[in-house]
Amino acid sequence: MMRSEVLETAARYVTADRQATHGRPEDTFRAIAMLWEAYLGVSVTESDVCNLMVLLKVARSQQNPAHMDNFVDMAGYAACGAELAKEER
């Protein structure tokens, strides 16, 4: 998979494909942040969730570097995280 394909696929996932199934990413990241805050006892922002999900995908890509979905998801989480970080400032 070429880099442009990774980015195009990630863009499709975070703007349409998965949004139709799972709702707005922002809402999901807020819900995850609230659950993690309660569980960990620390403050967690929506952009923190994106960063931590990227790290999850990094760990998975170490186990199976040929599985391109991990890289697509990293790009998608990074894009969402960048947008959310801007809003959080």
N, C-alpha and C. Protein backbone atom coordinates (compact mmCIF):
# COMPACT_ATOMS: atom_id res chain seq x y z
N MET A 1 0.86 -1.18 0.00
CA MET A 1 0.00 0.00 0.00
C MET A 1 0.90 1.23 0.00
N MET A 2 0.63 2.15 -0.88
CA MET A 2 1.40 3.38 -0.99
C MET A 2 0.93 4.39 0.06
N ARG A 3 1.79 5.34 0.38
CA ARG A 3 1.44 6.33 1.43
C ARG A 3 0.17 7.08 1.09
N SER A 4 -0.02 7.42 -0.19
CA SER A 4 -1.25 8.13 -0.55
C SER A 4 -2.48 7.26 -0.30
N GLU A 5 -2.36 5.96 -0.52
CA GLU A 5 -3.48 5.05 -0.26
C GLU A 5 -3.78 4.96 1.23
N VAL A 6 -2.73 4.94 2.05
CA VAL A 6 -2.92 4.91 3.50
C VAL A 6 -3.69 6.15 3.93
N LEU A 7 -3.25 7.31 3.46
CA LEU A 7 -3.89 8.57 3.86
C LEU A 7 -5.32 8.69 3.31
N GLU A 8 -5.52 8.28 2.07
CA GLU A 8 -6.86 8.33 1.49
C GLU A 8 -7.82 7.40 2.22
N THR A 9 -7.34 6.22 2.55
CA THR A 9 -8.18 5.27 3.29
C THR A 9 -8.50 5.79 4.68
N ALA A 10 -7.49 6.33 5.36
CA ALA A 10 -7.72 6.91 6.69
C ALA A 10 -8.72 8.05 6.61
N ALA A 11 -8.59 8.90 5.61
CA ALA A 11 -9.53 10.02 5.45
C ALA A 11 -10.95 9.51 5.26
N ARG A 12 -11.09 8.47 4.46
CA ARG A 12 -12.42 7.89 4.24
C ARG A 12 -12.99 7.32 5.54
N TYR A 13 -12.14 6.66 6.32
CA TYR A 13 -12.60 6.07 7.58
C TYR A 13 -13.06 7.14 8.58
N VAL A 14 -12.30 8.22 8.71
CA VAL A 14 -12.64 9.20 9.76
C VAL A 14 -13.68 10.21 9.31
N THR A 15 -14.03 10.21 8.03
CA THR A 15 -15.03 11.16 7.57
C THR A 15 -16.34 10.52 7.13
N ALA A 16 -16.33 9.22 6.84
CA ALA A 16 -17.56 8.63 6.33
C ALA A 16 -17.77 7.19 6.79
N ASP A 17 -16.92 6.28 6.35
CA ASP A 17 -17.15 4.85 6.53
C ASP A 17 -17.52 4.48 7.96
N ARG A 18 -16.64 4.76 8.87
CA ARG A 18 -16.87 4.33 10.25
C ARG A 18 -17.82 5.26 10.99
N GLN A 19 -17.90 6.50 10.54
CA GLN A 19 -18.80 7.44 11.20
C GLN A 19 -20.25 6.97 11.05
N ALA A 20 -20.58 6.40 9.92
CA ALA A 20 -21.94 5.91 9.71
C ALA A 20 -22.27 4.78 10.68
N THR A 21 -21.27 3.99 11.03
CA THR A 21 -21.47 2.85 11.93
C THR A 21 -21.33 3.23 13.40
N HIS A 22 -20.32 4.04 13.71
CA HIS A 22 -19.95 4.30 15.10
C HIS A 22 -20.29 5.70 15.59
N GLY A 23 -20.79 6.56 14.75
CA GLY A 23 -21.08 7.93 15.14
C GLY A 23 -19.87 8.84 14.98
N ARG A 24 -20.01 10.05 15.44
CA ARG A 24 -18.94 11.03 15.30
C ARG A 24 -17.73 10.62 16.14
N PRO A 25 -16.52 10.65 15.55
CA PRO A 25 -15.33 10.27 16.32
C PRO A 25 -15.16 11.11 17.59
N GLU A 26 -15.48 12.38 17.51
CA GLU A 26 -15.32 13.26 18.66
C GLU A 26 -16.14 12.77 19.86
N ASP A 27 -17.34 12.31 19.57
CA ASP A 27 -18.21 11.81 20.64
C ASP A 27 -17.64 10.53 21.25
N THR A 28 -17.14 9.66 20.39
CA THR A 28 -16.55 8.41 20.88
C THR A 28 -15.30 8.69 21.72
N PHE A 29 -14.44 9.59 21.26
CA PHE A 29 -13.22 9.90 22.01
C PHE A 29 -13.54 10.53 23.35
N ARG A 30 -14.60 11.34 23.42
CA ARG A 30 -15.01 11.94 24.71
C ARG A 30 -15.51 10.85 25.65
N ALA A 31 -16.31 9.93 25.13
CA ALA A 31 -16.81 8.84 25.98
C ALA A 31 -15.66 7.97 26.49
N ILE A 32 -14.69 7.68 25.63
CA ILE A 32 -13.53 6.88 26.04
C ILE A 32 -12.74 7.65 27.10
N ALA A 33 -12.53 8.94 26.87
CA ALA A 33 -11.77 9.76 27.83
C ALA A 33 -12.44 9.73 29.21
N MET A 34 -13.74 9.85 29.24
CA MET A 34 -14.45 9.83 30.52
C MET A 34 -14.30 8.48 31.22
N LEU A 35 -14.39 7.39 30.46
CA LEU A 35 -14.22 6.05 31.05
C LEU A 35 -12.80 5.86 31.57
N TRP A 36 -11.81 6.29 30.78
CA TRP A 36 -10.41 6.15 31.21
C TRP A 36 -10.12 7.02 32.42
N GLU A 37 -10.70 8.24 32.47
CA GLU A 37 -10.54 9.10 33.64
C GLU A 37 -11.04 8.40 34.90
N ALA A 38 -12.22 7.82 34.80
CA ALA A 38 -12.81 7.14 35.96
C ALA A 38 -11.96 5.94 36.37
N TYR A 39 -11.47 5.21 35.42
CA TYR A 39 -10.68 4.00 35.70
C TYR A 39 -9.30 4.34 36.24
N LEU A 40 -8.63 5.33 35.63
CA LEU A 40 -7.25 5.66 35.99
C LEU A 40 -7.14 6.70 37.11
N GLY A 41 -8.18 7.48 37.29
CA GLY A 41 -8.13 8.53 38.30
C GLY A 41 -7.27 9.73 37.90
N VAL A 42 -7.11 9.93 36.60
CA VAL A 42 -6.35 11.07 36.09
C VAL A 42 -7.16 11.73 34.98
N SER A 43 -6.81 12.96 34.67
CA SER A 43 -7.48 13.67 33.59
C SER A 43 -7.03 13.11 32.23
N VAL A 44 -7.99 12.88 31.35
CA VAL A 44 -7.71 12.37 30.01
C VAL A 44 -8.52 13.20 29.02
N THR A 45 -7.84 13.75 28.02
CA THR A 45 -8.53 14.53 26.99
C THR A 45 -8.83 13.65 25.78
N GLU A 46 -9.65 14.18 24.90
CA GLU A 46 -9.96 13.46 23.67
C GLU A 46 -8.70 13.25 22.83
N SER A 47 -7.83 14.26 22.79
CA SER A 47 -6.59 14.09 22.01
C SER A 47 -5.66 13.08 22.68
N ASP A 48 -5.70 12.98 24.02
CA ASP A 48 -4.95 11.92 24.70
C ASP A 48 -5.41 10.55 24.22
N VAL A 49 -6.72 10.39 24.07
CA VAL A 49 -7.26 9.11 23.60
C VAL A 49 -6.69 8.79 22.22
N CYS A 50 -6.65 9.78 21.35
CA CYS A 50 -6.10 9.55 20.00
C CYS A 50 -4.64 9.14 20.08
N ASN A 51 -3.85 9.85 20.89
CA ASN A 51 -2.43 9.51 21.03
C ASN A 51 -2.24 8.09 21.56
N LEU A 52 -3.04 7.73 22.54
CA LEU A 52 -2.91 6.40 23.12
C LEU A 52 -3.38 5.31 22.15
N MET A 53 -4.36 5.62 21.34
CA MET A 53 -4.79 4.66 20.33
C MET A 53 -3.72 4.49 19.25
N VAL A 54 -3.01 5.56 18.92
CA VAL A 54 -1.87 5.44 17.99
C VAL A 54 -0.85 4.48 18.59
N LEU A 55 -0.57 4.62 19.87
CA LEU A 55 0.40 3.73 20.52
C LEU A 55 -0.08 2.28 20.51
N LEU A 56 -1.38 2.06 20.68
CA LEU A 56 -1.93 0.71 20.57
C LEU A 56 -1.64 0.15 19.18
N LYS A 57 -1.85 0.97 18.16
CA LYS A 57 -1.61 0.52 16.79
C LYS A 57 -0.12 0.30 16.53
N VAL A 58 0.74 1.09 17.16
CA VAL A 58 2.19 0.86 17.05
C VAL A 58 2.53 -0.51 17.61
N ALA A 59 1.99 -0.83 18.78
CA ALA A 59 2.25 -2.14 19.38
C ALA A 59 1.75 -3.26 18.48
N ARG A 60 0.59 -3.08 17.90
CA ARG A 60 0.06 -4.11 17.00
C ARG A 60 0.90 -4.24 15.74
N SER A 61 1.39 -3.10 15.24
CA SER A 61 2.20 -3.16 14.02
C SER A 61 3.54 -3.84 14.27
N GLN A 62 4.02 -3.79 15.49
CA GLN A 62 5.26 -4.50 15.82
C GLN A 62 5.04 -6.01 15.76
N GLN A 63 3.85 -6.44 16.11
CA GLN A 63 3.52 -7.87 16.06
C GLN A 63 3.29 -8.37 14.64
N ASN A 64 2.75 -7.49 13.80
CA ASN A 64 2.44 -7.88 12.42
C ASN A 64 2.65 -6.68 11.50
N PRO A 65 3.91 -6.40 11.14
CA PRO A 65 4.22 -5.22 10.32
C PRO A 65 3.56 -5.22 8.94
N ALA A 66 3.17 -6.35 8.44
CA ALA A 66 2.57 -6.42 7.11
C ALA A 66 1.08 -6.07 7.10
N HIS A 67 0.47 -5.96 8.27
CA HIS A 67 -0.96 -5.66 8.35
C HIS A 67 -1.16 -4.15 8.20
N MET A 68 -1.54 -3.73 7.01
CA MET A 68 -1.61 -2.31 6.67
C MET A 68 -2.70 -1.55 7.44
N ASP A 69 -3.71 -2.24 7.90
CA ASP A 69 -4.79 -1.58 8.63
C ASP A 69 -4.26 -0.82 9.85
N ASN A 70 -3.22 -1.33 10.48
CA ASN A 70 -2.65 -0.63 11.64
C ASN A 70 -2.14 0.75 11.24
N PHE A 71 -1.49 0.85 10.09
CA PHE A 71 -0.95 2.13 9.64
C PHE A 71 -2.06 3.08 9.21
N VAL A 72 -3.09 2.54 8.59
CA VAL A 72 -4.25 3.35 8.22
C VAL A 72 -4.88 3.93 9.49
N ASP A 73 -5.07 3.08 10.49
CA ASP A 73 -5.67 3.54 11.74
C ASP A 73 -4.79 4.57 12.45
N MET A 74 -3.46 4.38 12.43
CA MET A 74 -2.56 5.38 13.02
C MET A 74 -2.77 6.74 12.37
N ALA A 75 -2.85 6.76 11.05
CA ALA A 75 -3.05 8.02 10.33
C ALA A 75 -4.39 8.65 10.70
N GLY A 76 -5.41 7.82 10.80
CA GLY A 76 -6.73 8.33 11.16
C GLY A 76 -6.77 8.89 12.57
N TYR A 77 -6.19 8.16 13.52
CA TYR A 77 -6.14 8.67 14.90
C TYR A 77 -5.31 9.95 14.98
N ALA A 78 -4.21 10.01 14.24
CA ALA A 78 -3.37 11.22 14.24
C ALA A 78 -4.15 12.42 13.70
N ALA A 79 -4.90 12.21 12.63
CA ALA A 79 -5.68 13.30 12.06
C ALA A 79 -6.75 13.79 13.03
N CYS A 80 -7.45 12.85 13.64
CA CYS A 80 -8.47 13.23 14.63
C CYS A 80 -7.83 13.92 15.83
N GLY A 81 -6.70 13.40 16.28
CA GLY A 81 -6.01 13.98 17.43
C GLY A 81 -5.56 15.40 17.16
N ALA A 82 -5.06 15.66 15.96
CA ALA A 82 -4.62 17.01 15.60
C ALA A 82 -5.78 18.00 15.65
N GLU A 83 -6.91 17.58 15.12
CA GLU A 83 -8.09 18.44 15.13
C GLU A 83 -8.58 18.69 16.56
N LEU A 84 -8.62 17.64 17.36
CA LEU A 84 -9.08 17.78 18.74
C LEU A 84 -8.12 18.61 19.58
N ALA A 85 -6.82 18.44 19.38
CA ALA A 85 -5.83 19.22 20.14
C ALA A 85 -5.99 20.71 19.86
N LYS A 86 -6.27 21.03 18.62
CA LYS A 86 -6.49 22.43 18.25
C LYS A 86 -7.70 23.01 19.00
N GLU A 87 -8.76 22.21 19.09
CA GLU A 87 -9.97 22.64 19.80
C GLU A 87 -9.73 22.74 21.30
N GLU A 88 -8.87 21.88 21.85
CA GLU A 88 -8.63 21.85 23.29
C GLU A 88 -7.81 23.04 23.78
N ARG A 89 -7.07 23.64 22.88
CA ARG A 89 -6.26 24.80 23.27
C ARG A 89 -7.09 25.97 23.57
